[in-house]
Amino acid sequence: MAKTFYSQNIQMIKSMIPHMELVKDEEGNDIQSVYIASFLTLDPCGRYHHAISPNGLTQRCINYWESLDKAAYKLGCWIESGEGDPTDIFLCAPLNLSVK
């Protein structure tokens, strides 16, 4: 299942890279970034996983988020949550990103 998530995430990230915009990171550096979606939309279980929740994190959800991070890293990017709303998920990249 994680392999499927990885393949899907590679394709999603590649499709989003052309839509990145110039923004400042929290240290004031220029980076590229694009909004992907809400955590609740992306998460396979469709919910926010609180650390003390009795409905804790499932292995499927862990596999999804790990594959998203790996796919982003493979393409020279990284994933961040929103500053104002931590459920907003962004794809970020350095200014010199070139995707093949």
PDB file of N, CA and C in Angstrom:
ATOM      1  N   MET A   1       0.818  -1.197   0.000  1.00  0.00           N
ATOM      2  CA  MET A   1       0.000   0.000   0.000  1.00  0.00           C
ATOM      3  C   MET A   1       0.862   1.261   0.000  1.00  0.00           C
ATOM      4  N   ALA A   2       1.944   1.252   0.771  1.00  0.00           N
ATOM      5  CA  ALA A   2       2.806   2.439   0.821  1.00  0.00           C
ATOM      6  C   ALA A   2       3.386   2.743  -0.553  1.00  0.00           C
ATOM      7  N   LYS A   3       3.677   1.699  -1.330  1.00  0.00           N
ATOM      8  CA  LYS A   3       4.219   1.908  -2.665  1.00  0.00           C
ATOM      9  C   LYS A   3       3.204   2.644  -3.539  1.00  0.00           C
ATOM     10  N   THR A   4       1.926   2.295  -3.426  1.00  0.00           N
ATOM     11  CA  THR A   4       0.871   2.983  -4.165  1.00  0.00           C
ATOM     12  C   THR A   4       0.789   4.434  -3.721  1.00  0.00           C
ATOM     13  N   PHE A   5       0.807   4.672  -2.433  1.00  0.00           N
ATOM     14  CA  PHE A   5       0.801   6.049  -1.925  1.00  0.00           C
ATOM     15  C   PHE A   5       1.978   6.814  -2.513  1.00  0.00           C
ATOM     16  N   TYR A   6       3.146   6.192  -2.535  1.00  0.00           N
ATOM     17  CA  TYR A   6       4.347   6.854  -3.024  1.00  0.00           C
ATOM     18  C   TYR A   6       4.180   7.246  -4.490  1.00  0.00           C
ATOM     19  N   SER A   7       3.719   6.340  -5.316  1.00  0.00           N
ATOM     20  CA  SER A   7       3.519   6.620  -6.742  1.00  0.00           C
ATOM     21  C   SER A   7       2.519   7.752  -6.941  1.00  0.00           C
ATOM     22  N   GLN A   8       1.434   7.708  -6.206  1.00  0.00           N
ATOM     23  CA  GLN A   8       0.414   8.760  -6.299  1.00  0.00           C
ATOM     24  C   GLN A   8       0.984  10.103  -5.848  1.00  0.00           C
ATOM     25  N   ASN A   9       1.760  10.087  -4.789  1.00  0.00           N
ATOM     26  CA  ASN A   9       2.320  11.333  -4.263  1.00  0.00           C
ATOM     27  C   ASN A   9       3.374  11.924  -5.191  1.00  0.00           C
ATOM     28  N   ILE A  10       4.176  11.093  -5.823  1.00  0.00           N
ATOM     29  CA  ILE A  10       5.154  11.589  -6.800  1.00  0.00           C
ATOM     30  C   ILE A  10       4.418  12.339  -7.911  1.00  0.00           C
ATOM     31  N   GLN A  11       3.363  11.733  -8.446  1.00  0.00           N
ATOM     32  CA  GLN A  11       2.603  12.361  -9.529  1.00  0.00           C
ATOM     33  C   GLN A  11       1.933  13.656  -9.070  1.00  0.00           C
ATOM     34  N   MET A  12       1.349  13.644  -7.867  1.00  0.00           N
ATOM     35  CA  MET A  12       0.695  14.840  -7.347  1.00  0.00           C
ATOM     36  C   MET A  12       1.707  15.977  -7.182  1.00  0.00           C
ATOM     37  N   ILE A  13       2.853  15.669  -6.607  1.00  0.00           N
ATOM     38  CA  ILE A  13       3.867  16.696  -6.376  1.00  0.00           C
ATOM     39  C   ILE A  13       4.392  17.252  -7.695  1.00  0.00           C
ATOM     40  N   LYS A  14       4.663  16.372  -8.655  1.00  0.00           N
ATOM     41  CA  LYS A  14       5.128  16.843  -9.959  1.00  0.00           C
ATOM     42  C   LYS A  14       4.120  17.788 -10.598  1.00  0.00           C
ATOM     43  N   SER A  15       2.842  17.511 -10.427  1.00  0.00           N
ATOM     44  CA  SER A  15       1.810  18.364 -11.026  1.00  0.00           C
ATOM     45  C   SER A  15       1.682  19.709 -10.307  1.00  0.00           C
ATOM     46  N   MET A  16       2.108  19.778  -9.061  1.00  0.00           N
ATOM     47  CA  MET A  16       1.962  21.010  -8.282  1.00  0.00           C
ATOM     48  C   MET A  16       3.169  21.941  -8.409  1.00  0.00           C
ATOM     49  N   ILE A  17       4.321  21.408  -8.728  1.00  0.00           N
ATOM     50  CA  ILE A  17       5.542  22.208  -8.786  1.00  0.00           C
ATOM     51  C   ILE A  17       5.418  23.421  -9.713  1.00  0.00           C
ATOM     52  N   PRO A  18       4.821  23.289 -10.892  1.00  0.00           N
ATOM     53  CA  PRO A  18       4.714  24.470 -11.763  1.00  0.00           C
ATOM     54  C   PRO A  18       3.857  25.607 -11.179  1.00  0.00           C
ATOM     55  N   HIS A  19       3.077  25.312 -10.159  1.00  0.00           N
ATOM     56  CA  HIS A  19       2.180  26.308  -9.563  1.00  0.00           C
ATOM     57  C   HIS A  19       2.762  26.978  -8.319  1.00  0.00           C
ATOM     58  N   MET A  20       4.010  26.658  -8.006  1.00  0.00           N
ATOM     59  CA  MET A  20       4.631  27.235  -6.816  1.00  0.00           C
ATOM     60  C   MET A  20       4.829  28.736  -6.980  1.00  0.00           C
ATOM     61  N   GLU A  21       4.721  29.429  -5.857  1.00  0.00           N
ATOM     62  CA  GLU A  21       4.912  30.876  -5.823  1.00  0.00           C
ATOM     63  C   GLU A  21       6.028  31.225  -4.857  1.00  0.00           C
ATOM     64  N   LEU A  22       6.623  32.359  -5.081  1.00  0.00           N
ATOM     65  CA  LEU A  22       7.689  32.854  -4.209  1.00  0.00           C
ATOM     66  C   LEU A  22       7.084  33.328  -2.893  1.00  0.00           C
ATOM     67  N   VAL A  23       7.615  32.829  -1.779  1.00  0.00           N
ATOM     68  CA  VAL A  23       7.186  33.237  -0.438  1.00  0.00           C
ATOM     69  C   VAL A  23       8.414  33.340   0.460  1.00  0.00           C
ATOM     70  N   LYS A  24       8.232  33.905   1.629  1.00  0.00           N
ATOM     71  CA  LYS A  24       9.290  33.954   2.646  1.00  0.00           C
ATOM     72  C   LYS A  24       9.025  32.861   3.672  1.00  0.00           C
ATOM     73  N   ASP A  25      10.077  32.134   4.047  1.00  0.00           N
ATOM     74  CA  ASP A  25       9.912  31.143   5.106  1.00  0.00           C
ATOM     75  C   ASP A  25       9.958  31.848   6.462  1.00  0.00           C
ATOM     76  N   GLU A  26       9.890  31.075   7.531  1.00  0.00           N
ATOM     77  CA  GLU A  26       9.831  31.678   8.872  1.00  0.00           C
ATOM     78  C   GLU A  26      11.105  32.404   9.272  1.00  0.00           C
ATOM     79  N   GLU A  27      12.215  32.126   8.573  1.00  0.00           N
ATOM     80  CA  GLU A  27      13.470  32.847   8.838  1.00  0.00           C
ATOM     81  C   GLU A  27      13.666  34.027   7.894  1.00  0.00           C
ATOM     82  N   GLY A  28      12.698  34.264   6.993  1.00  0.00           N
ATOM     83  CA  GLY A  28      12.796  35.388   6.073  1.00  0.00           C
ATOM     84  C   GLY A  28      13.490  35.072   4.761  1.00  0.00           C
ATOM     85  N   ASN A  29      13.800  33.794   4.525  1.00  0.00           N
ATOM     86  CA  ASN A  29      14.436  33.381   3.275  1.00  0.00           C
ATOM     87  C   ASN A  29      13.391  33.194   2.181  1.00  0.00           C
ATOM     88  N   ASP A  30      13.764  33.475   0.942  1.00  0.00           N
ATOM     89  CA  ASP A  30      12.873  33.237  -0.186  1.00  0.00           C
ATOM     90  C   ASP A  30      12.862  31.752  -0.532  1.00  0.00           C
ATOM     91  N   ILE A  31      11.660  31.192  -0.645  1.00  0.00           N
ATOM     92  CA  ILE A  31      11.470  29.806  -1.079  1.00  0.00           C
ATOM     93  C   ILE A  31      10.272  29.779  -2.022  1.00  0.00           C
ATOM     94  N   GLN A  32      10.033  28.632  -2.624  1.00  0.00           N
ATOM     95  CA  GLN A  32       8.829  28.417  -3.419  1.00  0.00           C
ATOM     96  C   GLN A  32       7.867  27.576  -2.592  1.00  0.00           C
ATOM     97  N   SER A  33       6.573  27.836  -2.764  1.00  0.00           N
ATOM     98  CA  SER A  33       5.590  27.092  -1.997  1.00  0.00           C
ATOM     99  C   SER A  33       4.252  27.068  -2.728  1.00  0.00           C
ATOM    100  N   VAL A  34       3.501  26.004  -2.496  1.00  0.00           N
ATOM    101  CA  VAL A  34       2.146  25.896  -3.036  1.00  0.00           C
ATOM    102  C   VAL A  34       1.306  25.101  -2.026  1.00  0.00           C
ATOM    103  N   TYR A  35       0.065  25.536  -1.859  1.00  0.00           N
ATOM    104  CA  TYR A  35      -0.881  24.843  -0.986  1.00  0.00           C
ATOM    105  C   TYR A  35      -1.267  23.530  -1.646  1.00  0.00           C
ATOM    106  N   ILE A  36      -1.172  22.431  -0.900  1.00  0.00           N
ATOM    107  CA  ILE A  36      -1.589  21.129  -1.432  1.00  0.00           C
ATOM    108  C   ILE A  36      -3.055  20.888  -1.103  1.00  0.00           C
ATOM    109  N   ALA A  37      -3.357  20.828   0.190  1.00  0.00           N
ATOM    110  CA  ALA A  37      -4.730  20.567   0.645  1.00  0.00           C
ATOM    111  C   ALA A  37      -4.741  20.591   2.169  1.00  0.00           C
ATOM    112  N   SER A  38      -5.906  20.411   2.711  1.00  0.00           N
ATOM    113  CA  SER A  38      -6.043  20.279   4.160  1.00  0.00           C
ATOM    114  C   SER A  38      -5.552  18.896   4.582  1.00  0.00           C
ATOM    115  N   PHE A  39      -4.998  18.825   5.764  1.00  0.00           N
ATOM    116  CA  PHE A  39      -4.581  17.550   6.353  1.00  0.00           C
ATOM    117  C   PHE A  39      -5.744  16.570   6.317  1.00  0.00           C
ATOM    118  N   LEU A  40      -6.948  17.066   6.614  1.00  0.00           N
ATOM    119  CA  LEU A  40      -8.125  16.209   6.686  1.00  0.00           C
ATOM    120  C   LEU A  40      -8.507  15.642   5.316  1.00  0.00           C
ATOM    121  N   THR A  41      -8.198  16.354   4.255  1.00  0.00           N
ATOM    122  CA  THR A  41      -8.454  15.875   2.901  1.00  0.00           C
ATOM    123  C   THR A  41      -7.414  14.846   2.483  1.00  0.00           C
ATOM    124  N   LEU A  42      -6.163  15.074   2.838  1.00  0.00           N
ATOM    125  CA  LEU A  42      -5.075  14.184   2.437  1.00  0.00           C
ATOM    126  C   LEU A  42      -5.014  12.893   3.240  1.00  0.00           C
ATOM    127  N   ASP A  43      -5.286  12.963   4.517  1.00  0.00           N
ATOM    128  CA  ASP A  43      -5.134  11.811   5.398  1.00  0.00           C
ATOM    129  C   ASP A  43      -6.064  10.674   4.988  1.00  0.00           C
ATOM    130  N   PRO A  44      -5.556   9.450   4.843  1.00  0.00           N
ATOM    131  CA  PRO A  44      -6.400   8.323   4.431  1.00  0.00           C
ATOM    132  C   PRO A  44      -7.582   8.068   5.364  1.00  0.00           C
ATOM    133  N   CYS A  45      -7.423   8.403   6.636  1.00  0.00           N
ATOM    134  CA  CYS A  45      -8.525   8.222   7.580  1.00  0.00           C
ATOM    135  C   CYS A  45      -9.441   9.443   7.633  1.00  0.00           C
ATOM    136  N   GLY A  46      -8.985  10.557   7.057  1.00  0.00           N
ATOM    137  CA  GLY A  46      -9.811  11.754   7.009  1.00  0.00           C
ATOM    138  C   GLY A  46     -10.001  12.459   8.332  1.00  0.00           C
ATOM    139  N   ARG A  47      -9.048  12.302   9.217  1.00  0.00           N
ATOM    140  CA  ARG A  47      -9.192  12.966  10.516  1.00  0.00           C
ATOM    141  C   ARG A  47      -7.828  13.409  11.038  1.00  0.00           C
ATOM    142  N   TYR A  48      -7.860  14.342  11.976  1.00  0.00           N
ATOM    143  CA  TYR A  48      -6.649  14.813  12.628  1.00  0.00           C
ATOM    144  C   TYR A  48      -6.338  13.845  13.759  1.00  0.00           C
ATOM    145  N   HIS A  49      -5.103  13.406  13.859  1.00  0.00           N
ATOM    146  CA  HIS A  49      -4.715  12.407  14.847  1.00  0.00           C
ATOM    147  C   HIS A  49      -4.082  13.071  16.059  1.00  0.00           C
ATOM    148  N   HIS A  50      -4.849  13.197  17.106  1.00  0.00           N
ATOM    149  CA  HIS A  50      -4.347  13.771  18.348  1.00  0.00           C
ATOM    150  C   HIS A  50      -3.574  12.700  19.105  1.00  0.00           C
ATOM    151  N   ALA A  51      -2.498  13.108  19.731  1.00  0.00           N
ATOM    152  CA  ALA A  51      -1.588  12.156  20.402  1.00  0.00           C
ATOM    153  C   ALA A  51      -2.290  11.305  21.462  1.00  0.00           C
ATOM    154  N   ILE A  52      -3.285  11.854  22.161  1.00  0.00           N
ATOM    155  CA  ILE A  52      -3.931  11.086  23.234  1.00  0.00           C
ATOM    156  C   ILE A  52      -5.305  10.552  22.824  1.00  0.00           C
ATOM    157  N   SER A  53      -5.608  10.607  21.542  1.00  0.00           N
ATOM    158  CA  SER A  53      -6.897  10.131  21.047  1.00  0.00           C
ATOM    159  C   SER A  53      -6.986   8.618  21.139  1.00  0.00           C
ATOM    160  N   PRO A  54      -8.145   8.089  21.567  1.00  0.00           N
ATOM    161  CA  PRO A  54      -8.314   6.625  21.567  1.00  0.00           C
ATOM    162  C   PRO A  54      -8.382   6.074  20.142  1.00  0.00           C
ATOM    163  N   ASN A  55      -8.696   6.927  19.174  1.00  0.00           N
ATOM    164  CA  ASN A  55      -8.718   6.529  17.767  1.00  0.00           C
ATOM    165  C   ASN A  55      -7.406   6.929  17.130  1.00  0.00           C
ATOM    166  N   GLY A  56      -6.323   6.470  17.702  1.00  0.00           N
ATOM    167  CA  GLY A  56      -4.991   6.887  17.300  1.00  0.00           C
ATOM    168  C   GLY A  56      -4.661   6.664  15.836  1.00  0.00           C
ATOM    169  N   LEU A  57      -3.461   6.973  15.529  1.00  0.00           N
ATOM    170  CA  LEU A  57      -2.911   6.892  14.189  1.00  0.00           C
ATOM    171  C   LEU A  57      -2.866   5.447  13.717  1.00  0.00           C
ATOM    172  N   THR A  58      -3.340   5.188  12.507  1.00  0.00           N
ATOM    173  CA  THR A  58      -3.291   3.834  11.946  1.00  0.00           C
ATOM    174  C   THR A  58      -2.026   3.672  11.112  1.00  0.00           C
ATOM    175  N   GLN A  59      -1.642   2.433  10.871  1.00  0.00           N
ATOM    176  CA  GLN A  59      -0.453   2.176  10.048  1.00  0.00           C
ATOM    177  C   GLN A  59      -0.656   2.709   8.630  1.00  0.00           C
ATOM    178  N   ARG A  60      -1.883   2.657   8.146  1.00  0.00           N
ATOM    179  CA  ARG A  60      -2.178   3.184   6.806  1.00  0.00           C
ATOM    180  C   ARG A  60      -1.870   4.684   6.741  1.00  0.00           C
ATOM    181  N   CYS A  61      -2.260   5.409   7.764  1.00  0.00           N
ATOM    182  CA  CYS A  61      -2.000   6.851   7.804  1.00  0.00           C
ATOM    183  C   CYS A  61      -0.499   7.130   7.928  1.00  0.00           C
ATOM    184  N   ILE A  62       0.175   6.364   8.753  1.00  0.00           N
ATOM    185  CA  ILE A  62       1.624   6.517   8.902  1.00  0.00           C
ATOM    186  C   ILE A  62       2.297   6.290   7.556  1.00  0.00           C
ATOM    187  N   ASN A  63       1.896   5.233   6.851  1.00  0.00           N
ATOM    188  CA  ASN A  63       2.471   4.936   5.533  1.00  0.00           C
ATOM    189  C   ASN A  63       2.237   6.080   4.555  1.00  0.00           C
ATOM    190  N   TYR A  64       1.036   6.657   4.592  1.00  0.00           N
ATOM    191  CA  TYR A  64       0.727   7.753   3.674  1.00  0.00           C
ATOM    192  C   TYR A  64       1.647   8.952   3.919  1.00  0.00           C
ATOM    193  N   TRP A  65       1.735   9.408   5.159  1.00  0.00           N
ATOM    194  CA  TRP A  65       2.525  10.606   5.467  1.00  0.00           C
ATOM    195  C   TRP A  65       4.016  10.379   5.235  1.00  0.00           C
ATOM    196  N   GLU A  66       4.502   9.177   5.525  1.00  0.00           N
ATOM    197  CA  GLU A  66       5.904   8.866   5.225  1.00  0.00           C
ATOM    198  C   GLU A  66       6.149   8.888   3.720  1.00  0.00           C
ATOM    199  N   SER A  67       5.209   8.358   2.944  1.00  0.00           N
ATOM    200  CA  SER A  67       5.389   8.343   1.495  1.00  0.00           C
ATOM    201  C   SER A  67       5.317   9.755   0.912  1.00  0.00           C
ATOM    202  N   LEU A  68       4.484  10.615   1.489  1.00  0.00           N
ATOM    203  CA  LEU A  68       4.411  12.002   1.031  1.00  0.00           C
ATOM    204  C   LEU A  68       5.742  12.708   1.276  1.00  0.00           C
ATOM    205  N   ASP A  69       6.302  12.527   2.459  1.00  0.00           N
ATOM    206  CA  ASP A  69       7.608  13.124   2.776  1.00  0.00           C
ATOM    207  C   ASP A  69       8.700  12.596   1.850  1.00  0.00           C
ATOM    208  N   LYS A  70       8.718  11.288   1.623  1.00  0.00           N
ATOM    209  CA  LYS A  70       9.739  10.683   0.760  1.00  0.00           C
ATOM    210  C   LYS A  70       9.606  11.151  -0.685  1.00  0.00           C
ATOM    211  N   ALA A  71       8.385  11.245  -1.171  1.00  0.00           N
ATOM    212  CA  ALA A  71       8.153  11.703  -2.547  1.00  0.00           C
ATOM    213  C   ALA A  71       8.609  13.151  -2.706  1.00  0.00           C
ATOM    214  N   ALA A  72       8.280  13.994  -1.733  1.00  0.00           N
ATOM    215  CA  ALA A  72       8.700  15.399  -1.791  1.00  0.00           C
ATOM    216  C   ALA A  72      10.224  15.488  -1.781  1.00  0.00           C
ATOM    217  N   TYR A  73      10.855  14.759  -0.885  1.00  0.00           N
ATOM    218  CA  TYR A  73      12.314  14.784  -0.775  1.00  0.00           C
ATOM    219  C   TYR A  73      12.972  14.296  -2.067  1.00  0.00           C
ATOM    220  N   LYS A  74      12.419  13.247  -2.666  1.00  0.00           N
ATOM    221  CA  LYS A  74      12.958  12.697  -3.918  1.00  0.00           C
ATOM    222  C   LYS A  74      12.982  13.758  -5.020  1.00  0.00           C
ATOM    223  N   LEU A  75      11.999  14.670  -4.993  1.00  0.00           N
ATOM    224  CA  LEU A  75      11.899  15.710  -6.012  1.00  0.00           C
ATOM    225  C   LEU A  75      12.530  17.027  -5.574  1.00  0.00           C
ATOM    226  N   GLY A  76      13.281  17.015  -4.474  1.00  0.00           N
ATOM    227  CA  GLY A  76      13.989  18.209  -4.020  1.00  0.00           C
ATOM    228  C   GLY A  76      13.124  19.169  -3.221  1.00  0.00           C
ATOM    229  N   CYS A  77      12.014  18.681  -2.703  1.00  0.00           N
ATOM    230  CA  CYS A  77      11.055  19.527  -1.967  1.00  0.00           C
ATOM    231  C   CYS A  77      10.908  19.030  -0.534  1.00  0.00           C
ATOM    232  N   TRP A  78      10.043  19.685   0.205  1.00  0.00           N
ATOM    233  CA  TRP A  78       9.675  19.226   1.531  1.00  0.00           C
ATOM    234  C   TRP A  78       8.235  19.646   1.808  1.00  0.00           C
ATOM    235  N   ILE A  79       7.644  19.044   2.846  1.00  0.00           N
ATOM    236  CA  ILE A  79       6.256  19.298   3.226  1.00  0.00           C
ATOM    237  C   ILE A  79       6.256  20.093   4.526  1.00  0.00           C
ATOM    238  N   GLU A  80       5.391  21.109   4.581  1.00  0.00           N
ATOM    239  CA  GLU A  80       5.217  21.904   5.805  1.00  0.00           C
ATOM    240  C   GLU A  80       3.737  22.075   6.084  1.00  0.00           C
ATOM    241  N   SER A  81       3.424  22.246   7.368  1.00  0.00           N
ATOM    242  CA  SER A  81       2.051  22.589   7.722  1.00  0.00           C
ATOM    243  C   SER A  81       1.930  24.110   7.762  1.00  0.00           C
ATOM    244  N   GLY A  82       0.702  24.585   7.699  1.00  0.00           N
ATOM    245  CA  GLY A  82       0.457  26.019   7.650  1.00  0.00           C
ATOM    246  C   GLY A  82       0.834  26.734   8.927  1.00  0.00           C
ATOM    247  N   GLU A  83       1.219  27.987   8.766  1.00  0.00           N
ATOM    248  CA  GLU A  83       1.583  28.803   9.922  1.00  0.00           C
ATOM    249  C   GLU A  83       0.346  29.213  10.708  1.00  0.00           C
ATOM    250  N   GLY A  84      -0.687  29.679  10.012  1.00  0.00           N
ATOM    251  CA  GLY A  84      -1.914  30.107  10.685  1.00  0.00           C
ATOM    252  C   GLY A  84      -2.839  28.961  11.007  1.00  0.00           C
ATOM    253  N   ASP A  85      -2.857  27.964  10.144  1.00  0.00           N
ATOM    254  CA  ASP A  85      -3.704  26.791  10.332  1.00  0.00           C
ATOM    255  C   ASP A  85      -2.852  25.549  10.121  1.00  0.00           C
ATOM    256  N   PRO A  86      -2.517  24.841  11.183  1.00  0.00           N
ATOM    257  CA  PRO A  86      -1.622  23.685  11.049  1.00  0.00           C
ATOM    258  C   PRO A  86      -2.222  22.527  10.258  1.00  0.00           C
ATOM    259  N   THR A  87      -3.517  22.592   9.920  1.00  0.00           N
ATOM    260  CA  THR A  87      -4.083  21.529   9.084  1.00  0.00           C
ATOM    261  C   THR A  87      -3.881  21.811   7.595  1.00  0.00           C
ATOM    262  N   ASP A  88      -3.411  23.019   7.244  1.00  0.00           N
ATOM    263  CA  ASP A  88      -3.066  23.325   5.857  1.00  0.00           C
ATOM    264  C   ASP A  88      -1.699  22.722   5.550  1.00  0.00           C
ATOM    265  N   ILE A  89      -1.597  22.018   4.429  1.00  0.00           N
ATOM    266  CA  ILE A  89      -0.355  21.350   4.052  1.00  0.00           C
ATOM    267  C   ILE A  89       0.200  22.011   2.784  1.00  0.00           C
ATOM    268  N   PHE A  90       1.489  22.360   2.828  1.00  0.00           N
ATOM    269  CA  PHE A  90       2.156  23.047   1.728  1.00  0.00           C
ATOM    270  C   PHE A  90       3.337  22.232   1.223  1.00  0.00           C
ATOM    271  N   LEU A  91       3.551  22.310  -0.078  1.00  0.00           N
ATOM    272  CA  LEU A  91       4.749  21.773  -0.713  1.00  0.00           C
ATOM    273  C   LEU A  91       5.717  22.936  -0.851  1.00  0.00           C
ATOM    274  N   CYS A  92       6.942  22.775  -0.380  1.00  0.00           N
ATOM    275  CA  CYS A  92       7.941  23.843  -0.418  1.00  0.00           C
ATOM    276  C   CYS A  92       9.192  23.351  -1.137  1.00  0.00           C
ATOM    277  N   ALA A  93       9.914  24.320  -1.713  1.00  0.00           N
ATOM    278  CA  ALA A  93      11.136  23.977  -2.445  1.00  0.00           C
ATOM    279  C   ALA A  93      12.080  25.167  -2.442  1.00  0.00           C
ATOM    280  N   PRO A  94      13.382  24.899  -2.618  1.00  0.00           N
ATOM    281  CA  PRO A  94      14.334  26.004  -2.765  1.00  0.00           C
ATOM    282  C   PRO A  94      14.079  26.727  -4.084  1.00  0.00           C
ATOM    283  N   LEU A  95      14.612  27.930  -4.205  1.00  0.00           N
ATOM    284  CA  LEU A  95      14.416  28.723  -5.421  1.00  0.00           C
ATOM    285  C   LEU A  95      15.020  28.067  -6.655  1.00  0.00           C
ATOM    286  N   ASN A  96      16.075  27.319  -6.484  1.00  0.00           N
ATOM    287  CA  ASN A  96      16.781  26.734  -7.630  1.00  0.00           C
ATOM    288  C   ASN A  96      16.279  25.336  -8.012  1.00  0.00           C
ATOM    289  N   LEU A  97      15.065  24.973  -7.616  1.00  0.00           N
ATOM    290  CA  LEU A  97      14.531  23.655  -7.918  1.00  0.00           C
ATOM    291  C   LEU A  97      14.367  23.468  -9.427  1.00  0.00           C
ATOM    292  N   SER A  98      14.873  22.360  -9.941  1.00  0.00           N
ATOM    293  CA  SER A  98      14.614  22.003 -11.331  1.00  0.00           C
ATOM    294  C   SER A  98      14.133  20.560 -11.354  1.00  0.00           C
ATOM    295  N   VAL A  99      12.950  20.357 -11.871  1.00  0.00           N
ATOM    296  CA  VAL A  99      12.342  19.021 -11.887  1.00  0.00           C
ATOM    297  C   VAL A  99      12.521  18.406 -13.262  1.00  0.00           C
ATOM    298  N   LYS A 100      12.941  17.170 -13.257  1.00  0.00           N
ATOM    299  CA  LYS A 100      13.157  16.460 -14.525  1.00  0.00           C
ATOM    300  C   LYS A 100      11.937  15.662 -14.897  1.00  0.00           C
TER     301      LYS A 100
END
